[in-house]
């Protein structure tokens, strides 16, 4: 009886560990971002343009199912990497994210109110991927 109980507990632990590991793997696969820095990653589902004629996308727009703006991405520096991202809800700008130093990481987040007023901002001053300077105007 003790062997069966010990075996059952061991099998339960193995099963739980397997489920945990598979869950982590699935979470990593789902982590695909909505936007990309590399301009070549913008294809189906995005409306794109090349404003300066260099052959690379420098503007991308994604519409929601009601044909309203959802996300815009722009490459203002024309280096092949998007550096400005605009997020909309009900066709109103709610957040603007910027890569201010060209390292393909957002380091400035600007939060909007009614699409035109700045509610606040967050800044990653040491470029570790986390905001460390905050300002709120609420």
C-alpha atoms as a PDB file:
ATOM      1  CA  UNK A   1       0.000   0.000   0.000  1.00  0.00           C
ATOM      2  CA  UNK A   2       2.832   2.415   0.818  1.00  0.00           C
ATOM      3  CA  UNK A   3       4.548   1.719  -2.507  1.00  0.00           C
ATOM      4  CA  UNK A   4       1.369   2.521  -4.428  1.00  0.00           C
ATOM      5  CA  UNK A   5       0.873   5.785  -2.514  1.00  0.00           C
ATOM      6  CA  UNK A   6       4.505   6.839  -3.021  1.00  0.00           C
ATOM      7  CA  UNK A   7       4.292   5.908  -6.699  1.00  0.00           C
ATOM      8  CA  UNK A   8       1.043   7.874  -7.098  1.00  0.00           C
ATOM      9  CA  UNK A   9       2.579  10.951  -5.481  1.00  0.00           C
ATOM     10  CA  UNK A  10       5.652  10.696  -7.704  1.00  0.00           C
ATOM     11  CA  UNK A  11       3.499  10.388 -10.817  1.00  0.00           C
ATOM     12  CA  UNK A  12       1.393  13.344  -9.703  1.00  0.00           C
ATOM     13  CA  UNK A  13       4.521  15.465  -9.221  1.00  0.00           C
ATOM     14  CA  UNK A  14       5.837  14.475 -12.657  1.00  0.00           C
ATOM     15  CA  UNK A  15       2.476  15.285 -14.224  1.00  0.00           C
ATOM     16  CA  UNK A  16       2.296  18.694 -12.511  1.00  0.00           C
ATOM     17  CA  UNK A  17       5.872  19.523 -13.511  1.00  0.00           C
ATOM     18  CA  UNK A  18       5.117  18.596 -17.129  1.00  0.00           C
ATOM     19  CA  UNK A  19       1.996  20.762 -17.201  1.00  0.00           C
ATOM     20  CA  UNK A  20       3.975  23.663 -15.698  1.00  0.00           C
ATOM     21  CA  UNK A  21       6.769  23.389 -18.284  1.00  0.00           C
ATOM     22  CA  UNK A  22       4.294  23.101 -21.169  1.00  0.00           C
ATOM     23  CA  UNK A  23       2.453  26.134 -19.830  1.00  0.00           C
ATOM     24  CA  UNK A  24       5.674  28.158 -19.804  1.00  0.00           C
ATOM     25  CA  UNK A  25       6.459  27.118 -23.374  1.00  0.00           C
ATOM     26  CA  UNK A  26       2.970  28.100 -24.527  1.00  0.00           C
ATOM     27  CA  UNK A  27       3.253  31.466 -22.782  1.00  0.00           C
ATOM     28  CA  UNK A  28       6.542  32.167 -24.562  1.00  0.00           C
ATOM     29  CA  UNK A  29       4.953  31.403 -27.933  1.00  0.00           C
ATOM     30  CA  UNK A  30       2.006  33.703 -27.189  1.00  0.00           C
ATOM     31  CA  UNK A  31       4.378  36.565 -26.389  1.00  0.00           C
ATOM     32  CA  UNK A  32       4.478  37.630 -30.053  1.00  0.00           C
ATOM     33  CA  UNK A  33       4.243  41.424 -29.912  1.00  0.00           C
ATOM     34  CA  UNK A  34       1.562  43.398 -31.720  1.00  0.00           C
ATOM     35  CA  UNK A  35       4.216  45.649 -33.227  1.00  0.00           C
ATOM     36  CA  UNK A  36       7.769  45.097 -34.402  1.00  0.00           C
ATOM     37  CA  UNK A  37      10.745  47.352 -34.790  1.00  0.00           C
ATOM     38  CA  UNK A  38      11.955  45.661 -38.007  1.00  0.00           C
ATOM     39  CA  UNK A  39       9.992  47.233 -40.894  1.00  0.00           C
ATOM     40  CA  UNK A  40      10.113  44.000 -42.920  1.00  0.00           C
ATOM     41  CA  UNK A  41       7.810  42.308 -40.375  1.00  0.00           C
ATOM     42  CA  UNK A  42       4.836  44.471 -41.406  1.00  0.00           C
ATOM     43  CA  UNK A  43       2.895  42.605 -44.062  1.00  0.00           C
ATOM     44  CA  UNK A  44      -0.601  41.102 -44.221  1.00  0.00           C
ATOM     45  CA  UNK A  45      -3.109  42.805 -41.980  1.00  0.00           C
ATOM     46  CA  UNK A  46      -1.230  46.114 -42.114  1.00  0.00           C
ATOM     47  CA  UNK A  47      -1.653  49.068 -44.467  1.00  0.00           C
ATOM     48  CA  UNK A  48       1.895  50.188 -45.271  1.00  0.00           C
ATOM     49  CA  UNK A  49       3.682  52.916 -47.194  1.00  0.00           C
ATOM     50  CA  UNK A  50       7.156  54.107 -48.120  1.00  0.00           C
ATOM     51  CA  UNK A  51       7.060  57.894 -47.805  1.00  0.00           C
ATOM     52  CA  UNK A  52      10.611  58.643 -48.955  1.00  0.00           C
ATOM     53  CA  UNK A  53      10.879  56.097 -51.791  1.00  0.00           C
ATOM     54  CA  UNK A  54      13.857  54.186 -50.374  1.00  0.00           C
ATOM     55  CA  UNK A  55      12.108  50.825 -50.828  1.00  0.00           C
ATOM     56  CA  UNK A  56      11.494  50.269 -47.111  1.00  0.00           C
ATOM     57  CA  UNK A  57       8.237  50.563 -45.221  1.00  0.00           C
ATOM     58  CA  UNK A  58       8.259  53.564 -42.907  1.00  0.00           C
ATOM     59  CA  UNK A  59       4.562  53.728 -42.041  1.00  0.00           C
ATOM     60  CA  UNK A  60       2.230  50.915 -41.006  1.00  0.00           C
ATOM     61  CA  UNK A  61      -1.407  51.102 -39.930  1.00  0.00           C
ATOM     62  CA  UNK A  62      -3.588  48.369 -38.487  1.00  0.00           C
ATOM     63  CA  UNK A  63      -7.350  48.866 -38.413  1.00  0.00           C
ATOM     64  CA  UNK A  64      -9.738  47.105 -36.071  1.00  0.00           C
ATOM     65  CA  UNK A  65     -12.777  45.163 -37.267  1.00  0.00           C
ATOM     66  CA  UNK A  66     -14.816  48.419 -37.371  1.00  0.00           C
ATOM     67  CA  UNK A  67     -12.216  49.965 -39.727  1.00  0.00           C
ATOM     68  CA  UNK A  68     -10.973  52.338 -37.031  1.00  0.00           C
ATOM     69  CA  UNK A  69      -7.325  52.974 -36.214  1.00  0.00           C
ATOM     70  CA  UNK A  70      -5.921  50.402 -33.809  1.00  0.00           C
ATOM     71  CA  UNK A  71      -2.136  50.799 -34.099  1.00  0.00           C
ATOM     72  CA  UNK A  72       0.202  52.969 -36.152  1.00  0.00           C
ATOM     73  CA  UNK A  73       3.951  52.416 -36.432  1.00  0.00           C
ATOM     74  CA  UNK A  74       6.391  54.876 -37.993  1.00  0.00           C
ATOM     75  CA  UNK A  75      10.080  54.910 -38.863  1.00  0.00           C
ATOM     76  CA  UNK A  76      10.896  58.610 -38.577  1.00  0.00           C
ATOM     77  CA  UNK A  77      14.655  58.040 -38.752  1.00  0.00           C
ATOM     78  CA  UNK A  78      14.356  55.981 -41.992  1.00  0.00           C
ATOM     79  CA  UNK A  79      16.860  53.416 -40.704  1.00  0.00           C
ATOM     80  CA  UNK A  80      14.647  50.358 -41.298  1.00  0.00           C
ATOM     81  CA  UNK A  81      13.338  50.204 -37.731  1.00  0.00           C
ATOM     82  CA  UNK A  82      10.067  51.583 -36.451  1.00  0.00           C
ATOM     83  CA  UNK A  83      10.629  54.089 -33.655  1.00  0.00           C
ATOM     84  CA  UNK A  84       7.159  55.516 -32.944  1.00  0.00           C
ATOM     85  CA  UNK A  85       4.062  53.510 -32.065  1.00  0.00           C
ATOM     86  CA  UNK A  86       0.568  54.940 -31.592  1.00  0.00           C
ATOM     87  CA  UNK A  87      -2.223  52.977 -29.885  1.00  0.00           C
ATOM     88  CA  UNK A  88      -5.907  53.819 -30.291  1.00  0.00           C
ATOM     89  CA  UNK A  89      -9.169  52.873 -28.614  1.00  0.00           C
ATOM     90  CA  UNK A  90     -12.382  53.738 -30.464  1.00  0.00           C
ATOM     91  CA  UNK A  91     -10.271  55.682 -32.976  1.00  0.00           C
ATOM     92  CA  UNK A  92      -8.873  57.944 -30.216  1.00  0.00           C
ATOM     93  CA  UNK A  93      -5.151  58.051 -29.392  1.00  0.00           C
ATOM     94  CA  UNK A  94      -4.545  56.625 -25.902  1.00  0.00           C
ATOM     95  CA  UNK A  95      -0.790  55.929 -25.863  1.00  0.00           C
ATOM     96  CA  UNK A  96       2.318  56.898 -27.819  1.00  0.00           C
ATOM     97  CA  UNK A  97       5.474  54.798 -27.402  1.00  0.00           C
ATOM     98  CA  UNK A  98       8.882  55.894 -28.665  1.00  0.00           C
ATOM     99  CA  UNK A  99      12.353  54.467 -29.137  1.00  0.00           C
ATOM    100  CA  UNK A 100      14.302  57.678 -28.627  1.00  0.00           C
ATOM    101  CA  UNK A 101      17.822  56.285 -29.003  1.00  0.00           C
ATOM    102  CA  UNK A 102      17.449  53.810 -31.886  1.00  0.00           C
ATOM    103  CA  UNK A 103      18.154  50.615 -29.912  1.00  0.00           C
ATOM    104  CA  UNK A 104      14.853  48.948 -30.925  1.00  0.00           C
ATOM    105  CA  UNK A 105      13.416  49.218 -27.400  1.00  0.00           C
ATOM    106  CA  UNK A 106      10.670  51.558 -26.272  1.00  0.00           C
ATOM    107  CA  UNK A 107      12.032  53.998 -23.699  1.00  0.00           C
ATOM    108  CA  UNK A 108       9.290  56.641 -23.552  1.00  0.00           C
ATOM    109  CA  UNK A 109       5.586  56.026 -22.985  1.00  0.00           C
ATOM    110  CA  UNK A 110       3.164  58.965 -23.301  1.00  0.00           C
ATOM    111  CA  UNK A 111      -0.398  58.434 -22.045  1.00  0.00           C
ATOM    112  CA  UNK A 112      -3.139  60.532 -23.606  1.00  0.00           C
ATOM    113  CA  UNK A 113      -6.535  61.817 -22.513  1.00  0.00           C
ATOM    114  CA  UNK A 114      -9.174  62.295 -25.209  1.00  0.00           C
ATOM    115  CA  UNK A 115      -6.502  61.841 -27.843  1.00  0.00           C
ATOM    116  CA  UNK A 116      -4.914  65.279 -27.495  1.00  0.00           C
ATOM    117  CA  UNK A 117      -4.075  65.974 -23.849  1.00  0.00           C
ATOM    118  CA  UNK A 118      -1.067  64.357 -22.189  1.00  0.00           C
ATOM    119  CA  UNK A 119      -2.187  62.490 -19.058  1.00  0.00           C
ATOM    120  CA  UNK A 120       1.341  61.522 -18.108  1.00  0.00           C
ATOM    121  CA  UNK A 121       4.508  59.832 -19.249  1.00  0.00           C
ATOM    122  CA  UNK A 122       7.058  57.225 -18.213  1.00  0.00           C
ATOM    123  CA  UNK A 123      10.710  57.131 -19.217  1.00  0.00           C
ATOM    124  CA  UNK A 124      13.394  54.441 -19.173  1.00  0.00           C
ATOM    125  CA  UNK A 125      16.460  56.608 -18.596  1.00  0.00           C
ATOM    126  CA  UNK A 126      18.997  53.802 -18.166  1.00  0.00           C
ATOM    127  CA  UNK A 127      17.631  51.692 -21.064  1.00  0.00           C
ATOM    128  CA  UNK A 128      17.057  48.507 -19.069  1.00  0.00           C
ATOM    129  CA  UNK A 129      13.547  48.061 -20.483  1.00  0.00           C
ATOM    130  CA  UNK A 130      11.739  49.363 -17.390  1.00  0.00           C
ATOM    131  CA  UNK A 131      10.389  52.833 -16.716  1.00  0.00           C
ATOM    132  CA  UNK A 132      12.268  54.614 -13.935  1.00  0.00           C
ATOM    133  CA  UNK A 133      11.030  58.186 -14.305  1.00  0.00           C
ATOM    134  CA  UNK A 134       7.327  58.994 -14.057  1.00  0.00           C
ATOM    135  CA  UNK A 135       5.124  62.059 -14.451  1.00  0.00           C
ATOM    136  CA  UNK A 136       1.339  62.231 -14.097  1.00  0.00           C
ATOM    137  CA  UNK A 137      -0.900  65.206 -14.830  1.00  0.00           C
ATOM    138  CA  UNK A 138      -4.133  63.623 -13.525  1.00  0.00           C
END
